[in-house]
Amino acid sequence: MVHAIQIAVGNGRHYGGGMTVAAEAAIDDNLLHLYSISPASLLRLMLLAPALRTGWQRRFEGVHRLCGTHIQIKTRRPLPVSTDGEVTTQTPVQFEVVPTAIEVMVPPEYLTTGQANAAQ
């Protein structure tokens, strides 16, 4: 059990318009990446802010990181859960990786011109 002021879960590297869950995360690694931030002073949180953009928040005391294929978050009382900037549900909540659940179709030239690598 941890006390947290923020928990972020992502199935890729970025979320929320440029924030980074984990620098090493990849959309195709079949893992969920989580970080939680423990309560801290305003100064400490301000020092942490740049690391949230780059994904290097693990270097800070009070930041916990996990990864796995299934994550469940429970709270003492129901709390809102934001999905892509919109409150869509409340805790408790479960996240699960379902490999190849979505088929993505791209033109053949996308794969041969190197655009796939540039998009990553």
PDB file of N, CA and C in Angstrom:
ATOM      1  N   MET A   1       0.847  -1.176   0.000  1.00  0.00           N
ATOM      2  CA  MET A   1       0.000   0.000   0.000  1.00  0.00           C
ATOM      3  C   MET A   1       0.895   1.243   0.000  1.00  0.00           C
ATOM      4  N   VAL A   2       0.543   2.221  -0.804  1.00  0.00           N
ATOM      5  CA  VAL A   2       1.283   3.477  -0.853  1.00  0.00           C
ATOM      6  C   VAL A   2       0.312   4.646  -0.731  1.00  0.00           C
ATOM      7  N   HIS A   3       0.798   5.739  -0.221  1.00  0.00           N
ATOM      8  CA  HIS A   3       0.046   6.997  -0.232  1.00  0.00           C
ATOM      9  C   HIS A   3       0.542   7.768  -1.444  1.00  0.00           C
ATOM     10  N   ALA A   4      -0.381   8.235  -2.269  1.00  0.00           N
ATOM     11  CA  ALA A   4       0.027   8.908  -3.498  1.00  0.00           C
ATOM     12  C   ALA A   4      -0.844  10.122  -3.758  1.00  0.00           C
ATOM     13  N   ILE A   5      -0.219  11.145  -4.349  1.00  0.00           N
ATOM     14  CA  ILE A   5      -0.985  12.307  -4.792  1.00  0.00           C
ATOM     15  C   ILE A   5      -1.261  12.224  -6.287  1.00  0.00           C
ATOM     16  N   GLN A   6      -0.534  11.341  -6.988  1.00  0.00           N
ATOM     17  CA  GLN A   6      -0.779  11.108  -8.405  1.00  0.00           C
ATOM     18  C   GLN A   6      -0.314   9.706  -8.748  1.00  0.00           C
ATOM     19  N   ILE A   7      -1.105   9.033  -9.588  1.00  0.00           N
ATOM     20  CA  ILE A   7      -0.716   7.744 -10.159  1.00  0.00           C
ATOM     21  C   ILE A   7      -0.943   7.852 -11.658  1.00  0.00           C
ATOM     22  N   ALA A   8       0.041   7.455 -12.420  1.00  0.00           N
ATOM     23  CA  ALA A   8      -0.085   7.445 -13.881  1.00  0.00           C
ATOM     24  C   ALA A   8       0.178   6.032 -14.373  1.00  0.00           C
ATOM     25  N   VAL A   9      -0.673   5.567 -15.282  1.00  0.00           N
ATOM     26  CA  VAL A   9      -0.522   4.254 -15.903  1.00  0.00           C
ATOM     27  C   VAL A   9      -0.558   4.464 -17.408  1.00  0.00           C
ATOM     28  N   GLY A  10       0.375   3.867 -18.112  1.00  0.00           N
ATOM     29  CA  GLY A  10       0.394   3.989 -19.562  1.00  0.00           C
ATOM     30  C   GLY A  10       0.819   2.706 -20.235  1.00  0.00           C
ATOM     31  N   ASN A  11       0.351   2.504 -21.455  1.00  0.00           N
ATOM     32  CA  ASN A  11       0.782   1.338 -22.223  1.00  0.00           C
ATOM     33  C   ASN A  11       1.843   1.719 -23.252  1.00  0.00           C
ATOM     34  N   GLY A  12       2.304   2.930 -23.187  1.00  0.00           N
ATOM     35  CA  GLY A  12       3.373   3.410 -24.046  1.00  0.00           C
ATOM     36  C   GLY A  12       4.218   4.404 -23.275  1.00  0.00           C
ATOM     37  N   ARG A  13       5.061   5.111 -23.958  1.00  0.00           N
ATOM     38  CA  ARG A  13       5.997   6.033 -23.318  1.00  0.00           C
ATOM     39  C   ARG A  13       5.321   7.309 -22.811  1.00  0.00           C
ATOM     40  N   HIS A  14       4.415   7.889 -23.598  1.00  0.00           N
ATOM     41  CA  HIS A  14       3.878   9.217 -23.279  1.00  0.00           C
ATOM     42  C   HIS A  14       2.392   9.199 -22.939  1.00  0.00           C
ATOM     43  N   TYR A  15       1.976  10.228 -22.219  1.00  0.00           N
ATOM     44  CA  TYR A  15       0.567  10.453 -21.921  1.00  0.00           C
ATOM     45  C   TYR A  15       0.368  11.942 -21.702  1.00  0.00           C
ATOM     46  N   GLY A  16      -0.866  12.395 -21.737  1.00  0.00           N
ATOM     47  CA  GLY A  16      -1.216  13.749 -21.340  1.00  0.00           C
ATOM     48  C   GLY A  16      -0.483  14.860 -22.072  1.00  0.00           C
ATOM     49  N   GLY A  17      -0.300  14.753 -23.356  1.00  0.00           N
ATOM     50  CA  GLY A  17       0.302  15.842 -24.111  1.00  0.00           C
ATOM     51  C   GLY A  17       1.789  16.023 -23.887  1.00  0.00           C
ATOM     52  N   GLY A  18       2.514  14.929 -23.680  1.00  0.00           N
ATOM     53  CA  GLY A  18       3.959  15.029 -23.587  1.00  0.00           C
ATOM     54  C   GLY A  18       4.565  14.587 -22.278  1.00  0.00           C
ATOM     55  N   MET A  19       3.747  14.202 -21.323  1.00  0.00           N
ATOM     56  CA  MET A  19       4.288  13.659 -20.080  1.00  0.00           C
ATOM     57  C   MET A  19       4.774  12.239 -20.375  1.00  0.00           C
ATOM     58  N   THR A  20       5.760  11.765 -19.622  1.00  0.00           N
ATOM     59  CA  THR A  20       6.354  10.458 -19.886  1.00  0.00           C
ATOM     60  C   THR A  20       6.170   9.550 -18.684  1.00  0.00           C
ATOM     61  N   VAL A  21       5.508   8.425 -18.907  1.00  0.00           N
ATOM     62  CA  VAL A  21       5.316   7.446 -17.838  1.00  0.00           C
ATOM     63  C   VAL A  21       6.643   6.778 -17.515  1.00  0.00           C
ATOM     64  N   ALA A  22       7.337   6.307 -18.551  1.00  0.00           N
ATOM     65  CA  ALA A  22       8.633   5.646 -18.371  1.00  0.00           C
ATOM     66  C   ALA A  22       9.440   5.831 -19.648  1.00  0.00           C
ATOM     67  N   ALA A  23      10.665   6.286 -19.511  1.00  0.00           N
ATOM     68  CA  ALA A  23      11.504   6.557 -20.678  1.00  0.00           C
ATOM     69  C   ALA A  23      11.744   5.305 -21.507  1.00  0.00           C
ATOM     70  N   GLU A  24      11.777   4.150 -20.868  1.00  0.00           N
ATOM     71  CA  GLU A  24      12.067   2.905 -21.581  1.00  0.00           C
ATOM     72  C   GLU A  24      10.817   2.214 -22.126  1.00  0.00           C
ATOM     73  N   ALA A  25       9.639   2.745 -21.853  1.00  0.00           N
ATOM     74  CA  ALA A  25       8.394   2.124 -22.311  1.00  0.00           C
ATOM     75  C   ALA A  25       8.265   2.210 -23.824  1.00  0.00           C
ATOM     76  N   ALA A  26       7.611   1.209 -24.391  1.00  0.00           N
ATOM     77  CA  ALA A  26       7.339   1.191 -25.832  1.00  0.00           C
ATOM     78  C   ALA A  26       5.909   0.713 -26.033  1.00  0.00           C
ATOM     79  N   ILE A  27       5.242   1.246 -27.021  1.00  0.00           N
ATOM     80  CA  ILE A  27       3.848   0.913 -27.270  1.00  0.00           C
ATOM     81  C   ILE A  27       3.674  -0.575 -27.570  1.00  0.00           C
ATOM     82  N   ASP A  28       4.725  -1.232 -28.042  1.00  0.00           N
ATOM     83  CA  ASP A  28       4.621  -2.646 -28.400  1.00  0.00           C
ATOM     84  C   ASP A  28       5.372  -3.573 -27.439  1.00  0.00           C
ATOM     85  N   ASP A  29       5.670  -3.126 -26.217  1.00  0.00           N
ATOM     86  CA  ASP A  29       6.376  -3.993 -25.264  1.00  0.00           C
ATOM     87  C   ASP A  29       5.424  -4.885 -24.459  1.00  0.00           C
ATOM     88  N   ASN A  30       4.116  -4.758 -24.705  1.00  0.00           N
ATOM     89  CA  ASN A  30       3.093  -5.565 -24.020  1.00  0.00           C
ATOM     90  C   ASN A  30       3.121  -5.409 -22.507  1.00  0.00           C
ATOM     91  N   LEU A  31       3.502  -4.222 -22.039  1.00  0.00           N
ATOM     92  CA  LEU A  31       3.531  -3.938 -20.611  1.00  0.00           C
ATOM     93  C   LEU A  31       2.780  -2.652 -20.308  1.00  0.00           C
ATOM     94  N   LEU A  32       2.231  -2.596 -19.119  1.00  0.00           N
ATOM     95  CA  LEU A  32       1.719  -1.353 -18.558  1.00  0.00           C
ATOM     96  C   LEU A  32       2.804  -0.803 -17.649  1.00  0.00           C
ATOM     97  N   HIS A  33       3.002   0.499 -17.692  1.00  0.00           N
ATOM     98  CA  HIS A  33       4.002   1.154 -16.842  1.00  0.00           C
ATOM     99  C   HIS A  33       3.268   2.097 -15.906  1.00  0.00           C
ATOM    100  N   LEU A  34       3.653   2.086 -14.648  1.00  0.00           N
ATOM    101  CA  LEU A  34       2.992   2.893 -13.624  1.00  0.00           C
ATOM    102  C   LEU A  34       4.032   3.654 -12.823  1.00  0.00           C
ATOM    103  N   TYR A  35       3.700   4.882 -12.476  1.00  0.00           N
ATOM    104  CA  TYR A  35       4.449   5.567 -11.421  1.00  0.00           C
ATOM    105  C   TYR A  35       3.448   6.201 -10.480  1.00  0.00           C
ATOM    106  N   SER A  36       3.842   6.281  -9.208  1.00  0.00           N
ATOM    107  CA  SER A  36       3.036   6.986  -8.216  1.00  0.00           C
ATOM    108  C   SER A  36       3.941   7.961  -7.488  1.00  0.00           C
ATOM    109  N   ILE A  37       3.364   9.102  -7.140  1.00  0.00           N
ATOM    110  CA  ILE A  37       4.114  10.157  -6.446  1.00  0.00           C
ATOM    111  C   ILE A  37       3.562  10.284  -5.040  1.00  0.00           C
ATOM    112  N   SER A  38       4.438  10.115  -4.053  1.00  0.00           N
ATOM    113  CA  SER A  38       4.052  10.276  -2.656  1.00  0.00           C
ATOM    114  C   SER A  38       3.886  11.750  -2.321  1.00  0.00           C
ATOM    115  N   PRO A  39       3.075  12.063  -1.307  1.00  0.00           N
ATOM    116  CA  PRO A  39       2.955  13.461  -0.889  1.00  0.00           C
ATOM    117  C   PRO A  39       4.339  14.049  -0.579  1.00  0.00           C
ATOM    118  N   ALA A  40       4.553  15.307  -0.965  1.00  0.00           N
ATOM    119  CA  ALA A  40       5.839  15.971  -0.773  1.00  0.00           C
ATOM    120  C   ALA A  40       5.611  17.475  -0.679  1.00  0.00           C
ATOM    121  N   SER A  41       6.669  18.171  -0.307  1.00  0.00           N
ATOM    122  CA  SER A  41       6.594  19.628  -0.223  1.00  0.00           C
ATOM    123  C   SER A  41       6.449  20.228  -1.621  1.00  0.00           C
ATOM    124  N   LEU A  42       5.961  21.437  -1.688  1.00  0.00           N
ATOM    125  CA  LEU A  42       5.803  22.121  -2.964  1.00  0.00           C
ATOM    126  C   LEU A  42       7.144  22.245  -3.683  1.00  0.00           C
ATOM    127  N   LEU A  43       8.204  22.547  -2.974  1.00  0.00           N
ATOM    128  CA  LEU A  43       9.535  22.660  -3.576  1.00  0.00           C
ATOM    129  C   LEU A  43       9.956  21.337  -4.205  1.00  0.00           C
ATOM    130  N   ARG A  44       9.771  20.258  -3.482  1.00  0.00           N
ATOM    131  CA  ARG A  44      10.152  18.941  -4.001  1.00  0.00           C
ATOM    132  C   ARG A  44       9.350  18.592  -5.257  1.00  0.00           C
ATOM    133  N   LEU A  45       8.059  18.910  -5.249  1.00  0.00           N
ATOM    134  CA  LEU A  45       7.216  18.637  -6.420  1.00  0.00           C
ATOM    135  C   LEU A  45       7.640  19.494  -7.611  1.00  0.00           C
ATOM    136  N   MET A  46       8.045  20.734  -7.350  1.00  0.00           N
ATOM    137  CA  MET A  46       8.516  21.597  -8.430  1.00  0.00           C
ATOM    138  C   MET A  46       9.813  21.049  -9.031  1.00  0.00           C
ATOM    139  N   LEU A  47      10.689  20.510  -8.201  1.00  0.00           N
ATOM    140  CA  LEU A  47      11.932  19.912  -8.695  1.00  0.00           C
ATOM    141  C   LEU A  47      11.662  18.634  -9.481  1.00  0.00           C
ATOM    142  N   LEU A  48      10.582  17.940  -9.139  1.00  0.00           N
ATOM    143  CA  LEU A  48      10.205  16.708  -9.812  1.00  0.00           C
ATOM    144  C   LEU A  48       9.570  16.965 -11.186  1.00  0.00           C
ATOM    145  N   ALA A  49       8.919  18.091 -11.353  1.00  0.00           N
ATOM    146  CA  ALA A  49       8.142  18.376 -12.570  1.00  0.00           C
ATOM    147  C   ALA A  49       8.902  18.132 -13.875  1.00  0.00           C
ATOM    148  N   PRO A  50      10.135  18.609 -14.049  1.00  0.00           N
ATOM    149  CA  PRO A  50      10.832  18.348 -15.318  1.00  0.00           C
ATOM    150  C   PRO A  50      11.050  16.854 -15.576  1.00  0.00           C
ATOM    151  N   ALA A  51      11.245  16.080 -14.530  1.00  0.00           N
ATOM    152  CA  ALA A  51      11.459  14.639 -14.692  1.00  0.00           C
ATOM    153  C   ALA A  51      10.197  13.944 -15.184  1.00  0.00           C
ATOM    154  N   LEU A  52       9.022  14.497 -14.907  1.00  0.00           N
ATOM    155  CA  LEU A  52       7.774  13.918 -15.393  1.00  0.00           C
ATOM    156  C   LEU A  52       7.667  14.037 -16.908  1.00  0.00           C
ATOM    157  N   ARG A  53       8.274  15.061 -17.483  1.00  0.00           N
ATOM    158  CA  ARG A  53       8.253  15.231 -18.938  1.00  0.00           C
ATOM    159  C   ARG A  53       9.207  14.251 -19.629  1.00  0.00           C
ATOM    160  N   THR A  54      10.302  13.915 -18.968  1.00  0.00           N
ATOM    161  CA  THR A  54      11.322  13.076 -19.593  1.00  0.00           C
ATOM    162  C   THR A  54      11.227  11.603 -19.220  1.00  0.00           C
ATOM    163  N   GLY A  55      10.489  11.284 -18.158  1.00  0.00           N
ATOM    164  CA  GLY A  55      10.365   9.895 -17.736  1.00  0.00           C
ATOM    165  C   GLY A  55      11.426   9.451 -16.746  1.00  0.00           C
ATOM    166  N   TRP A  56      12.187  10.367 -16.225  1.00  0.00           N
ATOM    167  CA  TRP A  56      13.251  10.018 -15.288  1.00  0.00           C
ATOM    168  C   TRP A  56      12.849  10.272 -13.840  1.00  0.00           C
ATOM    169  N   GLN A  57      11.549  10.223 -13.543  1.00  0.00           N
ATOM    170  CA  GLN A  57      11.071  10.471 -12.194  1.00  0.00           C
ATOM    171  C   GLN A  57      11.513   9.410 -11.191  1.00  0.00           C
ATOM    172  N   ARG A  58      11.952   8.254 -11.660  1.00  0.00           N
ATOM    173  CA  ARG A  58      12.376   7.195 -10.736  1.00  0.00           C
ATOM    174  C   ARG A  58      13.596   7.608  -9.909  1.00  0.00           C
ATOM    175  N   ARG A  59      14.296   8.618 -10.354  1.00  0.00           N
ATOM    176  CA  ARG A  59      15.481   9.085  -9.620  1.00  0.00           C
ATOM    177  C   ARG A  59      15.113   9.856  -8.350  1.00  0.00           C
ATOM    178  N   PHE A  60      13.837  10.155  -8.178  1.00  0.00           N
ATOM    179  CA  PHE A  60      13.405  10.961  -7.046  1.00  0.00           C
ATOM    180  C   PHE A  60      12.853  10.090  -5.922  1.00  0.00           C
ATOM    181  N   GLU A  61      13.233  10.430  -4.708  1.00  0.00           N
ATOM    182  CA  GLU A  61      12.683   9.755  -3.538  1.00  0.00           C
ATOM    183  C   GLU A  61      11.177  10.017  -3.485  1.00  0.00           C
ATOM    184  N   GLY A  62      10.415   8.987  -3.159  1.00  0.00           N
ATOM    185  CA  GLY A  62       8.973   9.136  -3.072  1.00  0.00           C
ATOM    186  C   GLY A  62       8.241   8.844  -4.364  1.00  0.00           C
ATOM    187  N   VAL A  63       8.979   8.444  -5.399  1.00  0.00           N
ATOM    188  CA  VAL A  63       8.345   8.034  -6.654  1.00  0.00           C
ATOM    189  C   VAL A  63       8.516   6.528  -6.770  1.00  0.00           C
ATOM    190  N   HIS A  64       7.397   5.840  -6.922  1.00  0.00           N
ATOM    191  CA  HIS A  64       7.413   4.379  -7.034  1.00  0.00           C
ATOM    192  C   HIS A  64       7.043   4.001  -8.457  1.00  0.00           C
ATOM    193  N   ARG A  65       7.727   2.999  -9.003  1.00  0.00           N
ATOM    194  CA  ARG A  65       7.450   2.574 -10.373  1.00  0.00           C
ATOM    195  C   ARG A  65       7.231   1.073 -10.408  1.00  0.00           C
ATOM    196  N   LEU A  66       6.300   0.679 -11.256  1.00  0.00           N
ATOM    197  CA  LEU A  66       5.994  -0.732 -11.471  1.00  0.00           C
ATOM    198  C   LEU A  66       5.700  -0.939 -12.942  1.00  0.00           C
ATOM    199  N   CYS A  67       5.811  -2.163 -13.394  1.00  0.00           N
ATOM    200  CA  CYS A  67       5.303  -2.502 -14.717  1.00  0.00           C
ATOM    201  C   CYS A  67       4.803  -3.931 -14.682  1.00  0.00           C
ATOM    202  N   GLY A  68       3.861  -4.221 -15.551  1.00  0.00           N
ATOM    203  CA  GLY A  68       3.277  -5.550 -15.619  1.00  0.00           C
ATOM    204  C   GLY A  68       2.182  -5.570 -16.666  1.00  0.00           C
ATOM    205  N   THR A  69       1.528  -6.702 -16.785  1.00  0.00           N
ATOM    206  CA  THR A  69       0.464  -6.829 -17.771  1.00  0.00           C
ATOM    207  C   THR A  69      -0.910  -6.552 -17.173  1.00  0.00           C
ATOM    208  N   HIS A  70      -0.991  -6.471 -15.853  1.00  0.00           N
ATOM    209  CA  HIS A  70      -2.263  -6.219 -15.174  1.00  0.00           C
ATOM    210  C   HIS A  70      -1.994  -5.340 -13.952  1.00  0.00           C
ATOM    211  N   ILE A  71      -2.713  -4.249 -13.843  1.00  0.00           N
ATOM    212  CA  ILE A  71      -2.559  -3.345 -12.697  1.00  0.00           C
ATOM    213  C   ILE A  71      -3.937  -3.044 -12.138  1.00  0.00           C
ATOM    214  N   GLN A  72      -4.068  -3.163 -10.836  1.00  0.00           N
ATOM    215  CA  GLN A  72      -5.327  -2.845 -10.163  1.00  0.00           C
ATOM    216  C   GLN A  72      -5.041  -1.752  -9.136  1.00  0.00           C
ATOM    217  N   ILE A  73      -5.879  -0.722  -9.139  1.00  0.00           N
ATOM    218  CA  ILE A  73      -5.723   0.383  -8.192  1.00  0.00           C
ATOM    219  C   ILE A  73      -6.981   0.451  -7.340  1.00  0.00           C
ATOM    220  N   LYS A  74      -6.767   0.384  -6.030  1.00  0.00           N
ATOM    221  CA  LYS A  74      -7.859   0.498  -5.063  1.00  0.00           C
ATOM    222  C   LYS A  74      -7.576   1.683  -4.161  1.00  0.00           C
ATOM    223  N   THR A  75      -8.609   2.371  -3.756  1.00  0.00           N
ATOM    224  CA  THR A  75      -8.480   3.497  -2.830  1.00  0.00           C
ATOM    225  C   THR A  75      -9.489   3.327  -1.703  1.00  0.00           C
ATOM    226  N   ARG A  76      -9.243   4.019  -0.590  1.00  0.00           N
ATOM    227  CA  ARG A  76     -10.173   3.919   0.548  1.00  0.00           C
ATOM    228  C   ARG A  76     -11.582   4.331   0.179  1.00  0.00           C
ATOM    229  N   ARG A  77     -11.669   5.395  -0.607  1.00  0.00           N
ATOM    230  CA  ARG A  77     -12.972   5.845  -1.096  1.00  0.00           C
ATOM    231  C   ARG A  77     -12.863   6.032  -2.599  1.00  0.00           C
ATOM    232  N   PRO A  78     -13.961   5.963  -3.322  1.00  0.00           N
ATOM    233  CA  PRO A  78     -13.883   6.128  -4.775  1.00  0.00           C
ATOM    234  C   PRO A  78     -13.290   7.482  -5.163  1.00  0.00           C
ATOM    235  N   LEU A  79     -12.344   7.452  -6.094  1.00  0.00           N
ATOM    236  CA  LEU A  79     -11.717   8.663  -6.617  1.00  0.00           C
ATOM    237  C   LEU A  79     -11.825   8.656  -8.136  1.00  0.00           C
ATOM    238  N   PRO A  80     -11.910   9.849  -8.745  1.00  0.00           N
ATOM    239  CA  PRO A  80     -12.046   9.911 -10.205  1.00  0.00           C
ATOM    240  C   PRO A  80     -10.789   9.407 -10.923  1.00  0.00           C
ATOM    241  N   VAL A  81     -11.014   8.795 -12.081  1.00  0.00           N
ATOM    242  CA  VAL A  81      -9.931   8.319 -12.935  1.00  0.00           C
ATOM    243  C   VAL A  81     -10.044   9.043 -14.265  1.00  0.00           C
ATOM    244  N   SER A  82      -8.957   9.693 -14.661  1.00  0.00           N
ATOM    245  CA  SER A  82      -8.914  10.427 -15.924  1.00  0.00           C
ATOM    246  C   SER A  82      -8.277   9.545 -16.988  1.00  0.00           C
ATOM    247  N   THR A  83      -8.936   9.462 -18.137  1.00  0.00           N
ATOM    248  CA  THR A  83      -8.423   8.708 -19.276  1.00  0.00           C
ATOM    249  C   THR A  83      -8.279   9.682 -20.437  1.00  0.00           C
ATOM    250  N   ASP A  84      -7.059   9.923 -20.853  1.00  0.00           N
ATOM    251  CA  ASP A  84      -6.797  10.884 -21.927  1.00  0.00           C
ATOM    252  C   ASP A  84      -7.439  12.243 -21.645  1.00  0.00           C
ATOM    253  N   GLY A  85      -7.377  12.692 -20.397  1.00  0.00           N
ATOM    254  CA  GLY A  85      -7.850  14.024 -20.036  1.00  0.00           C
ATOM    255  C   GLY A  85      -9.315  14.115 -19.676  1.00  0.00           C
ATOM    256  N   GLU A  86     -10.043  13.019 -19.752  1.00  0.00           N
ATOM    257  CA  GLU A  86     -11.468  13.028 -19.403  1.00  0.00           C
ATOM    258  C   GLU A  86     -11.703  12.070 -18.249  1.00  0.00           C
ATOM    259  N   VAL A  87     -12.477  12.478 -17.262  1.00  0.00           N
ATOM    260  CA  VAL A  87     -12.850  11.575 -16.181  1.00  0.00           C
ATOM    261  C   VAL A  87     -13.845  10.568 -16.750  1.00  0.00           C
ATOM    262  N   THR A  88     -13.447   9.290 -16.726  1.00  0.00           N
ATOM    263  CA  THR A  88     -14.263   8.250 -17.352  1.00  0.00           C
ATOM    264  C   THR A  88     -14.784   7.205 -16.384  1.00  0.00           C
ATOM    265  N   THR A  89     -14.197   7.125 -15.209  1.00  0.00           N
ATOM    266  CA  THR A  89     -14.617   6.129 -14.227  1.00  0.00           C
ATOM    267  C   THR A  89     -14.086   6.547 -12.867  1.00  0.00           C
ATOM    268  N   GLN A  90     -14.164   5.647 -11.920  1.00  0.00           N
ATOM    269  CA  GLN A  90     -13.624   5.920 -10.591  1.00  0.00           C
ATOM    270  C   GLN A  90     -12.980   4.650 -10.048  1.00  0.00           C
ATOM    271  N   THR A  91     -12.195   4.821  -9.001  1.00  0.00           N
ATOM    272  CA  THR A  91     -11.553   3.669  -8.385  1.00  0.00           C
ATOM    273  C   THR A  91     -12.599   2.890  -7.597  1.00  0.00           C
ATOM    274  N   PRO A  92     -12.406   1.577  -7.460  1.00  0.00           N
ATOM    275  CA  PRO A  92     -11.279   0.777  -7.931  1.00  0.00           C
ATOM    276  C   PRO A  92     -11.309   0.620  -9.441  1.00  0.00           C
ATOM    277  N   VAL A  93     -10.125   0.438 -10.028  1.00  0.00           N
ATOM    278  CA  VAL A  93     -10.006   0.322 -11.476  1.00  0.00           C
ATOM    279  C   VAL A  93      -8.944  -0.724 -11.815  1.00  0.00           C
ATOM    280  N   GLN A  94      -9.153  -1.404 -12.934  1.00  0.00           N
ATOM    281  CA  GLN A  94      -8.199  -2.404 -13.400  1.00  0.00           C
ATOM    282  C   GLN A  94      -7.748  -2.059 -14.816  1.00  0.00           C
ATOM    283  N   PHE A  95      -6.464  -2.254 -15.060  1.00  0.00           N
ATOM    284  CA  PHE A  95      -5.884  -2.059 -16.383  1.00  0.00           C
ATOM    285  C   PHE A  95      -5.258  -3.382 -16.788  1.00  0.00           C
ATOM    286  N   GLU A  96      -5.410  -3.733 -18.050  1.00  0.00           N
ATOM    287  CA  GLU A  96      -4.861  -4.995 -18.525  1.00  0.00           C
ATOM    288  C   GLU A  96      -4.383  -4.837 -19.967  1.00  0.00           C
ATOM    289  N   VAL A  97      -3.242  -5.448 -20.268  1.00  0.00           N
ATOM    290  CA  VAL A  97      -2.733  -5.465 -21.629  1.00  0.00           C
ATOM    291  C   VAL A  97      -3.399  -6.617 -22.373  1.00  0.00           C
ATOM    292  N   VAL A  98      -3.913  -6.312 -23.544  1.00  0.00           N
ATOM    293  CA  VAL A  98      -4.486  -7.337 -24.421  1.00  0.00           C
ATOM    294  C   VAL A  98      -3.719  -7.243 -25.746  1.00  0.00           C
ATOM    295  N   PRO A  99      -2.647  -8.029 -25.879  1.00  0.00           N
ATOM    296  CA  PRO A  99      -1.822  -7.937 -27.098  1.00  0.00           C
ATOM    297  C   PRO A  99      -2.639  -8.179 -28.365  1.00  0.00           C
ATOM    298  N   THR A 100      -2.342  -7.421 -29.373  1.00  0.00           N
ATOM    299  CA  THR A 100      -2.959  -7.491 -30.702  1.00  0.00           C
ATOM    300  C   THR A 100      -4.477  -7.334 -30.656  1.00  0.00           C
ATOM    301  N   ALA A 101      -5.008  -6.619 -29.687  1.00  0.00           N
ATOM    302  CA  ALA A 101      -6.457  -6.416 -29.581  1.00  0.00           C
ATOM    303  C   ALA A 101      -6.973  -5.477 -30.663  1.00  0.00           C
ATOM    304  N   ILE A 102      -6.118  -4.603 -31.152  1.00  0.00           N
ATOM    305  CA  ILE A 102      -6.517  -3.649 -32.179  1.00  0.00           C
ATOM    306  C   ILE A 102      -5.656  -3.875 -33.417  1.00  0.00           C
ATOM    307  N   GLU A 103      -6.307  -4.038 -34.535  1.00  0.00           N
ATOM    308  CA  GLU A 103      -5.577  -4.179 -35.792  1.00  0.00           C
ATOM    309  C   GLU A 103      -5.369  -2.784 -36.381  1.00  0.00           C
ATOM    310  N   VAL A 104      -4.136  -2.480 -36.729  1.00  0.00           N
ATOM    311  CA  VAL A 104      -3.801  -1.189 -37.304  1.00  0.00           C
ATOM    312  C   VAL A 104      -3.393  -1.417 -38.749  1.00  0.00           C
ATOM    313  N   MET A 105      -4.034  -0.676 -39.640  1.00  0.00           N
ATOM    314  CA  MET A 105      -3.718  -0.806 -41.065  1.00  0.00           C
ATOM    315  C   MET A 105      -3.017   0.465 -41.526  1.00  0.00           C
ATOM    316  N   VAL A 106      -1.888   0.275 -42.191  1.00  0.00           N
ATOM    317  CA  VAL A 106      -1.132   1.400 -42.735  1.00  0.00           C
ATOM    318  C   VAL A 106      -0.775   1.080 -44.185  1.00  0.00           C
ATOM    319  N   PRO A 107      -0.557   2.103 -45.019  1.00  0.00           N
ATOM    320  CA  PRO A 107      -0.157   1.836 -46.405  1.00  0.00           C
ATOM    321  C   PRO A 107       1.217   1.170 -46.439  1.00  0.00           C
ATOM    322  N   PRO A 108       1.457   0.304 -47.425  1.00  0.00           N
ATOM    323  CA  PRO A 108       2.749  -0.400 -47.513  1.00  0.00           C
ATOM    324  C   PRO A 108       3.951   0.538 -47.535  1.00  0.00           C
ATOM    325  N   GLU A 109       3.805   1.701 -48.184  1.00  0.00           N
ATOM    326  CA  GLU A 109       4.950   2.625 -48.246  1.00  0.00           C
ATOM    327  C   GLU A 109       5.324   3.177 -46.870  1.00  0.00           C
ATOM    328  N   TYR A 110       4.394   3.163 -45.942  1.00  0.00           N
ATOM    329  CA  TYR A 110       4.697   3.618 -44.580  1.00  0.00           C
ATOM    330  C   TYR A 110       5.779   2.741 -43.960  1.00  0.00           C
ATOM    331  N   LEU A 111       5.699   1.443 -44.204  1.00  0.00           N
ATOM    332  CA  LEU A 111       6.658   0.506 -43.627  1.00  0.00           C
ATOM    333  C   LEU A 111       7.990   0.503 -44.366  1.00  0.00           C
ATOM    334  N   THR A 112       7.996   0.874 -45.625  1.00  0.00           N
ATOM    335  CA  THR A 112       9.233   0.806 -46.411  1.00  0.00           C
ATOM    336  C   THR A 112      10.007   2.116 -46.475  1.00  0.00           C
ATOM    337  N   THR A 113       9.382   3.235 -46.118  1.00  0.00           N
ATOM    338  CA  THR A 113      10.073   4.524 -46.229  1.00  0.00           C
ATOM    339  C   THR A 113      10.739   4.966 -44.940  1.00  0.00           C
ATOM    340  N   GLY A 114      10.596   4.179 -43.882  1.00  0.00           N
ATOM    341  CA  GLY A 114      11.212   4.564 -42.625  1.00  0.00           C
ATOM    342  C   GLY A 114      10.324   5.457 -41.784  1.00  0.00           C
ATOM    343  N   GLN A 115       9.121   5.763 -42.261  1.00  0.00           N
ATOM    344  CA  GLN A 115       8.218   6.603 -41.471  1.00  0.00           C
ATOM    345  C   GLN A 115       7.820   5.910 -40.174  1.00  0.00           C
ATOM    346  N   ALA A 116       7.769   4.593 -40.188  1.00  0.00           N
ATOM    347  CA  ALA A 116       7.409   3.855 -38.962  1.00  0.00           C
ATOM    348  C   ALA A 116       8.419   4.137 -37.876  1.00  0.00           C
ATOM    349  N   ASN A 117       9.705   4.158 -38.224  1.00  0.00           N
ATOM    350  CA  ASN A 117      10.735   4.439 -37.232  1.00  0.00           C
ATOM    351  C   ASN A 117      10.679   5.880 -36.751  1.00  0.00           C
ATOM    352  N   ALA A 118      10.346   6.803 -37.637  1.00  0.00           N
ATOM    353  CA  ALA A 118      10.274   8.215 -37.272  1.00  0.00           C
ATOM    354  C   ALA A 118       9.111   8.459 -36.312  1.00  0.00           C
ATOM    355  N   ALA A 119       8.034   7.681 -36.431  1.00  0.00           N
ATOM    356  CA  ALA A 119       6.862   7.870 -35.569  1.00  0.00           C
ATOM    357  C   ALA A 119       7.121   7.403 -34.155  1.00  0.00           C
ATOM    358  N   GLN A 120       8.098   6.574 -33.956  1.00  0.00           N
ATOM    359  CA  GLN A 120       8.391   6.055 -32.617  1.00  0.00           C
ATOM    360  C   GLN A 120       9.205   7.067 -31.898  1.00  0.00           C
TER     361      GLN A 120
END
